[in-house]
Amino acid sequence: MKILVTGTAGFIGFHLAEKLVSLGHSVIGIDNINDYYDVNLKYARLDHSGIKREEIVYGEKIASASLPGYSFIKLDLNDRENIFNLFNEEKFDCVCNLAAQAGVRYSLENPYSYIDSNIRGFLNILESCRLNALKHLVFASSSSVYGMNEKTPFSVTDTADKPASLYAATKRSNELMAYTYSRLYGIACTGLRFFTVYGPWGRPDMAYYKFTQAILNKKPIEVYNNGDMLRDFTYIDDIIQGIISAVNNIPSGKFALYNLGNNKPEKLSDFISVLENILGQKAEKIFLEMQAGDVPVTMADIDITRRDLDWEPKTSITEGLKLFAGWYLEYGKNGSE
């Protein structure tokens, strides 16, 4: 298949593009390489995929030097003309839309960036799919859509109308927008609600990354809600397998939502203890109140995902954090941080 993956300078998109190419697909990746976090990490991911920083020019396609079948274009989802042109020229079989403005807490500081990327940008993807009769759109949603729901584990059959942040509201909006386009225009759409994805090449704004960095540098870590929050940490390789399974399973009803979560939530304080043991150092902890926009529990009900996608997460938190720590130490040694 010829597949468009948006957000390929990002954490999940980078891993997905490389995996799809290894499976024999032709992949075009796009990303605007914004500065929400250190762009050097984004360029390092692209470099790993054979895309050289010095060759990147906005709007121009670059073939990977090391991954035959992979090309990259620096492009913003809000650039409607170029997005439309890309779809018209390439005639994709499938689109995996992972590009978005991420971060729950940042949405309190810079709300307009979430509307621009997550609403307007996603609309451009939907319109491009409509105009080109795309076979299948797979798009990233988030566990944050469950918001203030008190029932656990969270199921895709639950109502999700109490978002705790603007980020969550935009991801729920994406689901509703995709559903509308699916019903009106017959576009097969699959939404994937990710639960706290972690692993090598991860985002430095995520807790596990910040904790690792602080512990190794003998700096204190900030622990919210006394470490009593529960999170369904899900390792990146498991997430990638879930996305690929979704790509290969066009929903018979033209629209589907699935949870991709570990189904085994970890208490934050226990998570920190595992990380301390792996790093061989104790963390100095600063305990703080739970921040606005955060929720106390995320836990995925994956029964429907198991049934439809034959997907099961396999990576334990200890195994996953060991793999992340090993990557982090090597990445730091290379001076790419």
C-alpha atoms as a PDB file:
ATOM      1  CA  MET A   1       0.000   0.000   0.000  1.00  0.00           C
ATOM      2  CA  LYS A   2       0.957   3.626  -0.407  1.00  0.00           C
ATOM      3  CA  ILE A   3       0.470   5.184   3.026  1.00  0.00           C
ATOM      4  CA  LEU A   4       0.676   8.772   4.252  1.00  0.00           C
ATOM      5  CA  VAL A   5       1.859   9.078   7.860  1.00  0.00           C
ATOM      6  CA  THR A   6       1.532  12.540   9.371  1.00  0.00           C
ATOM      7  CA  GLY A   7       3.769  13.523  12.277  1.00  0.00           C
ATOM      8  CA  THR A   8       6.801  11.412  11.307  1.00  0.00           C
ATOM      9  CA  ALA A   9       9.249  13.643  13.160  1.00  0.00           C
ATOM     10  CA  GLY A  10       7.174  12.826  16.243  1.00  0.00           C
ATOM     11  CA  PHE A  11       7.494   9.892  18.611  1.00  0.00           C
ATOM     12  CA  ILE A  12       4.793   7.508  17.380  1.00  0.00           C
ATOM     13  CA  GLY A  13       4.864   8.605  13.736  1.00  0.00           C
ATOM     14  CA  PHE A  14       8.622   8.010  13.509  1.00  0.00           C
ATOM     15  CA  HIS A  15       8.291   4.437  14.767  1.00  0.00           C
ATOM     16  CA  LEU A  16       5.249   3.743  12.600  1.00  0.00           C
ATOM     17  CA  ALA A  17       6.855   4.952   9.369  1.00  0.00           C
ATOM     18  CA  GLU A  18       9.926   2.767   9.868  1.00  0.00           C
ATOM     19  CA  LYS A  19       7.822  -0.298  10.704  1.00  0.00           C
ATOM     20  CA  LEU A  20       5.503   0.137   7.725  1.00  0.00           C
ATOM     21  CA  VAL A  21       8.468   0.446   5.362  1.00  0.00           C
ATOM     22  CA  SER A  22       9.998  -2.719   6.849  1.00  0.00           C
ATOM     23  CA  LEU A  23       6.740  -4.513   6.005  1.00  0.00           C
ATOM     24  CA  GLY A  24       7.026  -3.502   2.364  1.00  0.00           C
ATOM     25  CA  HIS A  25       4.698  -0.508   2.219  1.00  0.00           C
ATOM     26  CA  SER A  26       5.492   2.726   0.402  1.00  0.00           C
ATOM     27  CA  VAL A  27       5.379   5.562   2.955  1.00  0.00           C
ATOM     28  CA  ILE A  28       5.385   9.326   2.671  1.00  0.00           C
ATOM     29  CA  GLY A  29       5.829  11.114   5.980  1.00  0.00           C
ATOM     30  CA  ILE A  30       5.037  14.738   6.712  1.00  0.00           C
ATOM     31  CA  ASP A  31       5.709  16.941   9.734  1.00  0.00           C
ATOM     32  CA  ASN A  32       5.960  20.685  10.357  1.00  0.00           C
ATOM     33  CA  ILE A  33       8.791  20.142  12.914  1.00  0.00           C
ATOM     34  CA  ASN A  34       7.387  22.693  15.357  1.00  0.00           C
ATOM     35  CA  ASP A  35       9.232  23.735  18.504  1.00  0.00           C
ATOM     36  CA  TYR A  36       6.772  22.447  21.129  1.00  0.00           C
ATOM     37  CA  TYR A  37       9.802  20.510  22.394  1.00  0.00           C
ATOM     38  CA  ASP A  38      13.448  20.364  21.300  1.00  0.00           C
ATOM     39  CA  VAL A  39      13.565  20.183  17.502  1.00  0.00           C
ATOM     40  CA  ASN A  40      16.968  18.491  17.703  1.00  0.00           C
ATOM     41  CA  LEU A  41      15.224  15.329  18.893  1.00  0.00           C
ATOM     42  CA  LYS A  42      12.815  15.557  15.955  1.00  0.00           C
ATOM     43  CA  TYR A  43      15.665  15.963  13.495  1.00  0.00           C
ATOM     44  CA  ALA A  44      17.510  13.077  15.168  1.00  0.00           C
ATOM     45  CA  ARG A  45      14.487  10.832  14.559  1.00  0.00           C
ATOM     46  CA  LEU A  46      14.380  11.898  10.912  1.00  0.00           C
ATOM     47  CA  ASP A  47      18.117  11.283  10.595  1.00  0.00           C
ATOM     48  CA  HIS A  48      17.615   7.765  11.972  1.00  0.00           C
ATOM     49  CA  SER A  49      15.079   7.248   9.157  1.00  0.00           C
ATOM     50  CA  GLY A  50      17.608   8.434   6.563  1.00  0.00           C
ATOM     51  CA  ILE A  51      16.349  12.017   6.184  1.00  0.00           C
ATOM     52  CA  LYS A  52      19.188  14.519   6.519  1.00  0.00           C
ATOM     53  CA  ARG A  53      18.451  17.800   8.255  1.00  0.00           C
ATOM     54  CA  GLU A  54      20.434  19.895   5.799  1.00  0.00           C
ATOM     55  CA  GLU A  55      18.403  18.532   2.872  1.00  0.00           C
ATOM     56  CA  ILE A  56      14.992  19.447   4.283  1.00  0.00           C
ATOM     57  CA  VAL A  57      13.249  22.254   2.400  1.00  0.00           C
ATOM     58  CA  TYR A  58       9.624  23.117   3.117  1.00  0.00           C
ATOM     59  CA  GLY A  59       7.256  21.473   0.646  1.00  0.00           C
ATOM     60  CA  GLU A  60       9.907  19.380  -1.142  1.00  0.00           C
ATOM     61  CA  LYS A  61       9.903  15.568  -1.050  1.00  0.00           C
ATOM     62  CA  ILE A  62      13.121  13.909   0.102  1.00  0.00           C
ATOM     63  CA  ALA A  63      13.793  10.210  -0.419  1.00  0.00           C
ATOM     64  CA  SER A  64      15.351   8.410   2.546  1.00  0.00           C
ATOM     65  CA  ALA A  65      19.025   7.556   2.193  1.00  0.00           C
ATOM     66  CA  SER A  66      18.637   4.287   4.122  1.00  0.00           C
ATOM     67  CA  LEU A  67      14.962   3.230   3.973  1.00  0.00           C
ATOM     68  CA  PRO A  68      13.901   2.419   0.402  1.00  0.00           C
ATOM     69  CA  GLY A  69      10.227   3.216   0.038  1.00  0.00           C
ATOM     70  CA  TYR A  70      10.231   6.094   2.535  1.00  0.00           C
ATOM     71  CA  SER A  71      10.111   9.797   1.675  1.00  0.00           C
ATOM     72  CA  PHE A  72       9.599  12.874   3.838  1.00  0.00           C
ATOM     73  CA  ILE A  73       8.088  16.302   3.234  1.00  0.00           C
ATOM     74  CA  LYS A  74       8.216  19.153   5.707  1.00  0.00           C
ATOM     75  CA  LEU A  75       4.609  20.310   5.602  1.00  0.00           C
ATOM     76  CA  ASP A  76       2.050  21.851   7.940  1.00  0.00           C
ATOM     77  CA  LEU A  77      -1.473  20.384   8.138  1.00  0.00           C
ATOM     78  CA  ASN A  78      -2.804  23.935   7.992  1.00  0.00           C
ATOM     79  CA  ASP A  79      -1.224  24.449   4.577  1.00  0.00           C
ATOM     80  CA  ARG A  80      -4.447  23.520   2.807  1.00  0.00           C
ATOM     81  CA  GLU A  81      -3.214  24.056  -0.747  1.00  0.00           C
ATOM     82  CA  ASN A  82      -0.138  21.867  -0.370  1.00  0.00           C
ATOM     83  CA  ILE A  83      -2.015  19.189   1.578  1.00  0.00           C
ATOM     84  CA  PHE A  84      -4.654  19.013  -1.175  1.00  0.00           C
ATOM     85  CA  ASN A  85      -1.940  18.887  -3.844  1.00  0.00           C
ATOM     86  CA  LEU A  86      -0.137  16.089  -2.018  1.00  0.00           C
ATOM     87  CA  PHE A  87      -3.276  13.926  -1.929  1.00  0.00           C
ATOM     88  CA  ASN A  88      -4.042  14.681  -5.580  1.00  0.00           C
ATOM     89  CA  GLU A  89      -0.550  13.717  -6.711  1.00  0.00           C
ATOM     90  CA  GLU A  90       0.116  10.648  -4.570  1.00  0.00           C
ATOM     91  CA  LYS A  91      -3.283   8.868  -4.494  1.00  0.00           C
ATOM     92  CA  PHE A  92      -2.795   7.230  -1.105  1.00  0.00           C
ATOM     93  CA  ASP A  93      -4.427   3.924  -0.205  1.00  0.00           C
ATOM     94  CA  CYS A  94      -4.418   4.746   3.518  1.00  0.00           C
ATOM     95  CA  VAL A  95      -3.655   7.706   5.769  1.00  0.00           C
ATOM     96  CA  CYS A  96      -2.390   7.441   9.352  1.00  0.00           C
ATOM     97  CA  ASN A  97      -2.946  10.855  10.907  1.00  0.00           C
ATOM     98  CA  LEU A  98      -0.742  11.144  13.999  1.00  0.00           C
ATOM     99  CA  ALA A  99       0.200  14.813  13.680  1.00  0.00           C
ATOM    100  CA  ALA A 100      -1.298  16.956  16.432  1.00  0.00           C
ATOM    101  CA  GLN A 101      -0.465  19.509  19.051  1.00  0.00           C
ATOM    102  CA  ALA A 102       0.130  17.237  22.041  1.00  0.00           C
ATOM    103  CA  GLY A 103       0.180  17.848  25.785  1.00  0.00           C
ATOM    104  CA  VAL A 104      -2.598  18.266  28.317  1.00  0.00           C
ATOM    105  CA  ARG A 105      -0.930  20.964  30.418  1.00  0.00           C
ATOM    106  CA  TYR A 106       0.362  22.974  27.469  1.00  0.00           C
ATOM    107  CA  SER A 107      -3.216  23.351  26.247  1.00  0.00           C
ATOM    108  CA  LEU A 108      -3.806  25.598  29.272  1.00  0.00           C
ATOM    109  CA  GLU A 109      -1.001  27.900  28.116  1.00  0.00           C
ATOM    110  CA  ASN A 110      -1.407  27.972  24.347  1.00  0.00           C
ATOM    111  CA  PRO A 111      -4.972  26.996  23.415  1.00  0.00           C
ATOM    112  CA  TYR A 112      -4.909  28.449  19.889  1.00  0.00           C
ATOM    113  CA  SER A 113      -2.224  26.011  18.735  1.00  0.00           C
ATOM    114  CA  TYR A 114      -4.601  23.137  19.556  1.00  0.00           C
ATOM    115  CA  ILE A 115      -7.391  24.573  17.446  1.00  0.00           C
ATOM    116  CA  ASP A 116      -4.996  25.247  14.561  1.00  0.00           C
ATOM    117  CA  SER A 117      -3.356  21.804  14.513  1.00  0.00           C
ATOM    118  CA  ASN A 118      -5.986  19.484  15.931  1.00  0.00           C
ATOM    119  CA  ILE A 119      -9.152  20.995  14.446  1.00  0.00           C
ATOM    120  CA  ARG A 120      -8.268  22.982  11.329  1.00  0.00           C
ATOM    121  CA  GLY A 121      -5.419  20.665  10.369  1.00  0.00           C
ATOM    122  CA  PHE A 122      -7.566  17.570  10.832  1.00  0.00           C
ATOM    123  CA  LEU A 123     -10.325  19.124   8.731  1.00  0.00           C
ATOM    124  CA  ASN A 124      -7.833  19.530   5.891  1.00  0.00           C
ATOM    125  CA  ILE A 125      -7.029  15.814   6.165  1.00  0.00           C
ATOM    126  CA  LEU A 126     -10.728  14.886   6.127  1.00  0.00           C
ATOM    127  CA  GLU A 127     -11.454  17.100   3.137  1.00  0.00           C
ATOM    128  CA  SER A 128      -8.482  15.645   1.274  1.00  0.00           C
ATOM    129  CA  CYS A 129      -9.755  12.146   2.021  1.00  0.00           C
ATOM    130  CA  ARG A 130     -13.221  13.097   0.729  1.00  0.00           C
ATOM    131  CA  LEU A 131     -11.958  14.685  -2.459  1.00  0.00           C
ATOM    132  CA  ASN A 132      -9.756  11.683  -3.267  1.00  0.00           C
ATOM    133  CA  ALA A 133     -12.109   8.848  -2.242  1.00  0.00           C
ATOM    134  CA  LEU A 134      -9.577   7.499   0.260  1.00  0.00           C
ATOM    135  CA  LYS A 135     -10.048   3.851   1.228  1.00  0.00           C
ATOM    136  CA  HIS A 136      -9.143   4.156   4.922  1.00  0.00           C
ATOM    137  CA  LEU A 137      -8.231   6.867   7.426  1.00  0.00           C
ATOM    138  CA  VAL A 138      -6.630   5.775  10.701  1.00  0.00           C
ATOM    139  CA  PHE A 139      -6.254   8.632  13.170  1.00  0.00           C
ATOM    140  CA  ALA A 140      -4.825   9.193  16.620  1.00  0.00           C
ATOM    141  CA  SER A 141      -7.158   9.969  19.459  1.00  0.00           C
ATOM    142  CA  SER A 142      -6.317   9.825  23.154  1.00  0.00           C
ATOM    143  CA  SER A 143      -7.342   8.338  26.483  1.00  0.00           C
ATOM    144  CA  SER A 144      -7.816  11.941  27.600  1.00  0.00           C
ATOM    145  CA  VAL A 145     -11.226  11.966  25.875  1.00  0.00           C
ATOM    146  CA  TYR A 146     -12.604  10.023  28.869  1.00  0.00           C
ATOM    147  CA  GLY A 147     -11.936  13.094  30.997  1.00  0.00           C
ATOM    148  CA  MET A 148     -13.819  13.078  34.268  1.00  0.00           C
ATOM    149  CA  ASN A 149     -15.501   9.697  33.696  1.00  0.00           C
ATOM    150  CA  GLU A 150     -15.553   7.849  37.009  1.00  0.00           C
ATOM    151  CA  LYS A 151     -16.226   4.349  35.663  1.00  0.00           C
ATOM    152  CA  THR A 152     -13.110   2.246  35.062  1.00  0.00           C
ATOM    153  CA  PRO A 153     -11.803   0.656  32.988  1.00  0.00           C
ATOM    154  CA  PHE A 154     -12.634   3.100  30.210  1.00  0.00           C
ATOM    155  CA  SER A 155     -14.553   1.537  27.342  1.00  0.00           C
ATOM    156  CA  VAL A 156     -15.154   2.923  23.862  1.00  0.00           C
ATOM    157  CA  THR A 157     -18.848   2.320  24.543  1.00  0.00           C
ATOM    158  CA  ASP A 158     -18.747   4.855  27.412  1.00  0.00           C
ATOM    159  CA  THR A 159     -19.952   8.412  26.977  1.00  0.00           C
ATOM    160  CA  ALA A 160     -17.029  10.789  26.535  1.00  0.00           C
ATOM    161  CA  ASP A 161     -18.529  14.228  27.047  1.00  0.00           C
ATOM    162  CA  LYS A 162     -16.642  15.545  30.106  1.00  0.00           C
ATOM    163  CA  PRO A 163     -13.159  16.532  28.875  1.00  0.00           C
ATOM    164  CA  ALA A 164     -10.755  17.796  31.535  1.00  0.00           C
ATOM    165  CA  SER A 165      -8.643  19.846  29.104  1.00  0.00           C
ATOM    166  CA  LEU A 166      -8.850  21.608  25.756  1.00  0.00           C
ATOM    167  CA  TYR A 167      -6.481  18.979  24.346  1.00  0.00           C
ATOM    168  CA  ALA A 168      -9.007  16.290  25.290  1.00  0.00           C
ATOM    169  CA  ALA A 169     -11.819  18.336  23.763  1.00  0.00           C
ATOM    170  CA  THR A 170      -9.959  18.622  20.450  1.00  0.00           C
ATOM    171  CA  LYS A 171      -9.301  14.862  20.302  1.00  0.00           C
ATOM    172  CA  ARG A 172     -12.950  14.089  21.012  1.00  0.00           C
ATOM    173  CA  SER A 173     -13.838  16.630  18.325  1.00  0.00           C
ATOM    174  CA  ASN A 174     -11.627  14.700  15.889  1.00  0.00           C
ATOM    175  CA  GLU A 175     -13.635  11.557  16.600  1.00  0.00           C
ATOM    176  CA  LEU A 176     -16.913  13.342  15.955  1.00  0.00           C
ATOM    177  CA  MET A 177     -15.599  15.011  12.800  1.00  0.00           C
ATOM    178  CA  ALA A 178     -14.370  11.660  11.444  1.00  0.00           C
ATOM    179  CA  TYR A 179     -17.681  10.017  12.288  1.00  0.00           C
ATOM    180  CA  THR A 180     -19.533  12.734  10.382  1.00  0.00           C
ATOM    181  CA  TYR A 181     -17.330  12.361   7.298  1.00  0.00           C
ATOM    182  CA  SER A 182     -17.669   8.611   7.479  1.00  0.00           C
ATOM    183  CA  ARG A 183     -21.466   8.814   7.531  1.00  0.00           C
ATOM    184  CA  LEU A 184     -21.772  11.560   4.914  1.00  0.00           C
ATOM    185  CA  TYR A 185     -19.154  10.429   2.426  1.00  0.00           C
ATOM    186  CA  GLY A 186     -18.554   6.745   3.122  1.00  0.00           C
ATOM    187  CA  ILE A 187     -14.926   7.190   4.219  1.00  0.00           C
ATOM    188  CA  ALA A 188     -13.766   4.265   6.367  1.00  0.00           C
ATOM    189  CA  CYS A 189     -12.346   5.818   9.549  1.00  0.00           C
ATOM    190  CA  THR A 190     -10.651   4.157  12.524  1.00  0.00           C
ATOM    191  CA  GLY A 191      -9.857   6.192  15.649  1.00  0.00           C
ATOM    192  CA  LEU A 192      -7.291   4.922  18.148  1.00  0.00           C
ATOM    193  CA  ARG A 193      -7.343   6.114  21.749  1.00  0.00           C
ATOM    194  CA  PHE A 194      -3.732   5.887  22.951  1.00  0.00           C
ATOM    195  CA  PHE A 195      -2.997   5.394  26.654  1.00  0.00           C
ATOM    196  CA  THR A 196       0.248   7.032  27.926  1.00  0.00           C
ATOM    197  CA  VAL A 197       2.674   5.811  25.278  1.00  0.00           C
ATOM    198  CA  TYR A 198       6.334   5.506  26.311  1.00  0.00           C
ATOM    199  CA  GLY A 199       9.605   4.110  25.014  1.00  0.00           C
ATOM    200  CA  PRO A 200      12.809   4.927  23.070  1.00  0.00           C
ATOM    201  CA  TRP A 201      12.785   8.183  21.107  1.00  0.00           C
ATOM    202  CA  GLY A 202       9.902   9.384  23.310  1.00  0.00           C
ATOM    203  CA  ARG A 203       8.740  12.900  24.035  1.00  0.00           C
ATOM    204  CA  PRO A 204      10.817  14.869  26.568  1.00  0.00           C
ATOM    205  CA  ASP A 205       7.709  16.536  28.008  1.00  0.00           C
ATOM    206  CA  MET A 206       6.422  13.167  29.274  1.00  0.00           C
ATOM    207  CA  ALA A 207       6.914  12.233  32.932  1.00  0.00           C
ATOM    208  CA  TYR A 208       9.037   9.109  32.394  1.00  0.00           C
ATOM    209  CA  TYR A 209      11.493  11.066  30.224  1.00  0.00           C
ATOM    210  CA  LYS A 210      11.710  13.993  32.637  1.00  0.00           C
ATOM    211  CA  PHE A 211      12.104  11.643  35.602  1.00  0.00           C
ATOM    212  CA  THR A 212      14.963   9.774  33.927  1.00  0.00           C
ATOM    213  CA  GLN A 213      16.733  12.973  32.981  1.00  0.00           C
ATOM    214  CA  ALA A 214      16.376  14.442  36.484  1.00  0.00           C
ATOM    215  CA  ILE A 215      17.389  11.280  38.371  1.00  0.00           C
ATOM    216  CA  LEU A 216      20.545  10.797  36.293  1.00  0.00           C
ATOM    217  CA  ASN A 217      21.438  14.472  36.772  1.00  0.00           C
ATOM    218  CA  LYS A 218      20.717  14.243  40.532  1.00  0.00           C
ATOM    219  CA  LYS A 219      17.939  16.806  40.314  1.00  0.00           C
ATOM    220  CA  PRO A 220      14.553  16.605  42.058  1.00  0.00           C
ATOM    221  CA  ILE A 221      11.466  15.329  40.268  1.00  0.00           C
ATOM    222  CA  GLU A 222       7.990  16.806  40.603  1.00  0.00           C
ATOM    223  CA  VAL A 223       5.414  14.216  41.680  1.00  0.00           C
ATOM    224  CA  TYR A 224       1.776  15.244  41.432  1.00  0.00           C
ATOM    225  CA  ASN A 225      -1.016  14.048  43.724  1.00  0.00           C
ATOM    226  CA  ASN A 226       1.519  12.322  46.028  1.00  0.00           C
ATOM    227  CA  GLY A 227       2.176   9.763  43.303  1.00  0.00           C
ATOM    228  CA  ASP A 228      -1.307   8.273  43.777  1.00  0.00           C
ATOM    229  CA  MET A 229      -2.385   8.655  40.141  1.00  0.00           C
ATOM    230  CA  LEU A 230      -2.891   5.505  38.067  1.00  0.00           C
ATOM    231  CA  ARG A 231      -1.679   5.442  34.461  1.00  0.00           C
ATOM    232  CA  ASP A 232      -2.055   2.753  31.809  1.00  0.00           C
ATOM    233  CA  PHE A 233       1.510   3.044  30.463  1.00  0.00           C
ATOM    234  CA  THR A 234       1.717   1.399  27.013  1.00  0.00           C
ATOM    235  CA  TYR A 235       5.015   0.557  25.330  1.00  0.00           C
ATOM    236  CA  ILE A 236       5.660   1.976  21.860  1.00  0.00           C
ATOM    237  CA  ASP A 237       6.141  -1.376  20.089  1.00  0.00           C
ATOM    238  CA  ASP A 238       2.747  -2.545  21.333  1.00  0.00           C
ATOM    239  CA  ILE A 239       1.159   0.678  20.099  1.00  0.00           C
ATOM    240  CA  ILE A 240       2.744   0.280  16.666  1.00  0.00           C
ATOM    241  CA  GLN A 241       1.408  -3.268  16.371  1.00  0.00           C
ATOM    242  CA  GLY A 242      -2.047  -1.950  17.252  1.00  0.00           C
ATOM    243  CA  ILE A 243      -1.885   0.754  14.585  1.00  0.00           C
ATOM    244  CA  ILE A 244      -0.763  -1.706  11.926  1.00  0.00           C
ATOM    245  CA  SER A 245      -3.572  -4.070  12.867  1.00  0.00           C
ATOM    246  CA  ALA A 246      -6.003  -1.161  12.490  1.00  0.00           C
ATOM    247  CA  VAL A 247      -4.540  -0.282   9.069  1.00  0.00           C
ATOM    248  CA  ASN A 248      -5.145  -3.864   7.942  1.00  0.00           C
ATOM    249  CA  ASN A 249      -8.728  -4.002   9.238  1.00  0.00           C
ATOM    250  CA  ILE A 250     -11.090  -1.613   7.471  1.00  0.00           C
ATOM    251  CA  PRO A 251     -14.190  -1.332   9.689  1.00  0.00           C
ATOM    252  CA  SER A 252     -17.234  -2.996   8.141  1.00  0.00           C
ATOM    253  CA  GLY A 253     -19.463  -0.243   9.484  1.00  0.00           C
ATOM    254  CA  LYS A 254     -17.151   2.434   8.039  1.00  0.00           C
ATOM    255  CA  PHE A 255     -16.332   3.866  11.502  1.00  0.00           C
ATOM    256  CA  ALA A 256     -14.680   2.357  14.573  1.00  0.00           C
ATOM    257  CA  LEU A 257     -12.998   3.468  17.790  1.00  0.00           C
ATOM    258  CA  TYR A 258     -10.501   1.368  19.736  1.00  0.00           C
ATOM    259  CA  ASN A 259      -8.537   1.677  22.955  1.00  0.00           C
ATOM    260  CA  LEU A 260      -4.824   0.931  22.683  1.00  0.00           C
ATOM    261  CA  GLY A 261      -3.765   0.624  26.315  1.00  0.00           C
ATOM    262  CA  ASN A 262      -1.837  -1.756  28.521  1.00  0.00           C
ATOM    263  CA  ASN A 263      -4.956  -2.687  30.537  1.00  0.00           C
ATOM    264  CA  LYS A 264      -2.744  -2.865  33.656  1.00  0.00           C
ATOM    265  CA  PRO A 265      -2.505   0.613  35.206  1.00  0.00           C
ATOM    266  CA  GLU A 266       0.521   1.436  37.324  1.00  0.00           C
ATOM    267  CA  LYS A 267       0.515   3.663  40.378  1.00  0.00           C
ATOM    268  CA  LEU A 268       2.811   6.599  39.637  1.00  0.00           C
ATOM    269  CA  SER A 269       4.808   6.041  42.832  1.00  0.00           C
ATOM    270  CA  ASP A 270       5.393   2.385  41.854  1.00  0.00           C
ATOM    271  CA  PHE A 271       6.374   3.453  38.353  1.00  0.00           C
ATOM    272  CA  ILE A 272       8.994   5.763  39.846  1.00  0.00           C
ATOM    273  CA  SER A 273      10.324   2.934  42.046  1.00  0.00           C
ATOM    274  CA  VAL A 274      10.788   0.687  38.993  1.00  0.00           C
ATOM    275  CA  LEU A 275      12.656   3.475  37.218  1.00  0.00           C
ATOM    276  CA  GLU A 276      14.859   4.091  40.267  1.00  0.00           C
ATOM    277  CA  ASN A 277      15.816   0.410  40.388  1.00  0.00           C
ATOM    278  CA  ILE A 278      16.668   0.366  36.678  1.00  0.00           C
ATOM    279  CA  LEU A 279      18.792   3.509  36.918  1.00  0.00           C
ATOM    280  CA  GLY A 280      20.374   2.444  40.206  1.00  0.00           C
ATOM    281  CA  GLN A 281      19.635   5.820  41.794  1.00  0.00           C
ATOM    282  CA  LYS A 282      17.013   7.170  44.144  1.00  0.00           C
ATOM    283  CA  ALA A 283      14.960  10.185  43.126  1.00  0.00           C
ATOM    284  CA  GLU A 284      14.605  13.315  45.218  1.00  0.00           C
ATOM    285  CA  LYS A 285      10.884  13.988  45.122  1.00  0.00           C
ATOM    286  CA  ILE A 286       8.937  17.233  45.348  1.00  0.00           C
ATOM    287  CA  PHE A 287       5.266  16.436  45.993  1.00  0.00           C
ATOM    288  CA  LEU A 288       2.718  18.770  44.414  1.00  0.00           C
ATOM    289  CA  GLU A 289      -1.046  19.049  44.047  1.00  0.00           C
ATOM    290  CA  MET A 290      -2.623  17.474  40.972  1.00  0.00           C
ATOM    291  CA  GLN A 291      -2.491  19.963  38.109  1.00  0.00           C
ATOM    292  CA  ALA A 292      -5.484  21.383  36.276  1.00  0.00           C
ATOM    293  CA  GLY A 293      -6.365  19.223  33.285  1.00  0.00           C
ATOM    294  CA  ASP A 294      -4.998  16.013  34.823  1.00  0.00           C
ATOM    295  CA  VAL A 295      -7.185  13.059  35.783  1.00  0.00           C
ATOM    296  CA  PRO A 296      -6.528  10.588  38.638  1.00  0.00           C
ATOM    297  CA  VAL A 297      -6.905   7.357  36.629  1.00  0.00           C
ATOM    298  CA  THR A 298      -6.487   6.106  33.072  1.00  0.00           C
ATOM    299  CA  MET A 299      -7.272   2.441  32.428  1.00  0.00           C
ATOM    300  CA  ALA A 300      -8.202   0.845  29.120  1.00  0.00           C
ATOM    301  CA  ASP A 301     -10.891  -1.733  28.512  1.00  0.00           C
ATOM    302  CA  ILE A 302      -9.464  -3.504  25.433  1.00  0.00           C
ATOM    303  CA  ASP A 303     -12.037  -6.274  24.979  1.00  0.00           C
ATOM    304  CA  ILE A 304     -13.353  -4.750  21.736  1.00  0.00           C
ATOM    305  CA  THR A 305      -9.794  -4.163  20.495  1.00  0.00           C
ATOM    306  CA  ARG A 306      -8.911  -7.804  21.184  1.00  0.00           C
ATOM    307  CA  ARG A 307     -12.015  -8.982  19.349  1.00  0.00           C
ATOM    308  CA  ASP A 308     -11.707  -6.809  16.246  1.00  0.00           C
ATOM    309  CA  LEU A 309      -7.960  -6.254  15.882  1.00  0.00           C
ATOM    310  CA  ASP A 310      -6.594  -9.395  17.572  1.00  0.00           C
ATOM    311  CA  TRP A 311      -4.312  -7.105  19.577  1.00  0.00           C
ATOM    312  CA  GLU A 312      -2.793  -7.627  22.994  1.00  0.00           C
ATOM    313  CA  PRO A 313      -0.059  -5.532  24.671  1.00  0.00           C
ATOM    314  CA  LYS A 314       2.926  -7.691  25.593  1.00  0.00           C
ATOM    315  CA  THR A 315       5.558  -5.427  27.172  1.00  0.00           C
ATOM    316  CA  SER A 316       5.812  -5.189  30.975  1.00  0.00           C
ATOM    317  CA  ILE A 317       6.581  -1.854  32.596  1.00  0.00           C
ATOM    318  CA  THR A 318       9.965  -3.140  33.802  1.00  0.00           C
ATOM    319  CA  GLU A 319      10.949  -4.398  30.355  1.00  0.00           C
ATOM    320  CA  GLY A 320       9.731  -1.223  28.657  1.00  0.00           C
ATOM    321  CA  LEU A 321      11.526   1.129  31.030  1.00  0.00           C
ATOM    322  CA  LYS A 322      14.756  -0.869  30.683  1.00  0.00           C
ATOM    323  CA  LEU A 323      14.569  -0.432  26.919  1.00  0.00           C
ATOM    324  CA  PHE A 324      13.867   3.280  27.288  1.00  0.00           C
ATOM    325  CA  ALA A 325      16.694   3.798  29.798  1.00  0.00           C
ATOM    326  CA  GLY A 326      19.138   1.962  27.543  1.00  0.00           C
ATOM    327  CA  TRP A 327      18.189   4.184  24.625  1.00  0.00           C
ATOM    328  CA  TYR A 328      18.349   7.305  26.765  1.00  0.00           C
ATOM    329  CA  LEU A 329      21.868   6.555  27.987  1.00  0.00           C
ATOM    330  CA  GLU A 330      23.076   5.911  24.448  1.00  0.00           C
ATOM    331  CA  TYR A 331      21.290   8.967  23.085  1.00  0.00           C
ATOM    332  CA  GLY A 332      22.866  11.151  25.771  1.00  0.00           C
ATOM    333  CA  LYS A 333      26.321   9.736  25.034  1.00  0.00           C
ATOM    334  CA  ASN A 334      25.896  10.699  21.405  1.00  0.00           C
ATOM    335  CA  GLY A 335      25.316  14.286  22.471  1.00  0.00           C
ATOM    336  CA  SER A 336      21.997  14.544  20.651  1.00  0.00           C
ATOM    337  CA  GLU A 337      19.968  15.533  23.685  1.00  0.00           C
END
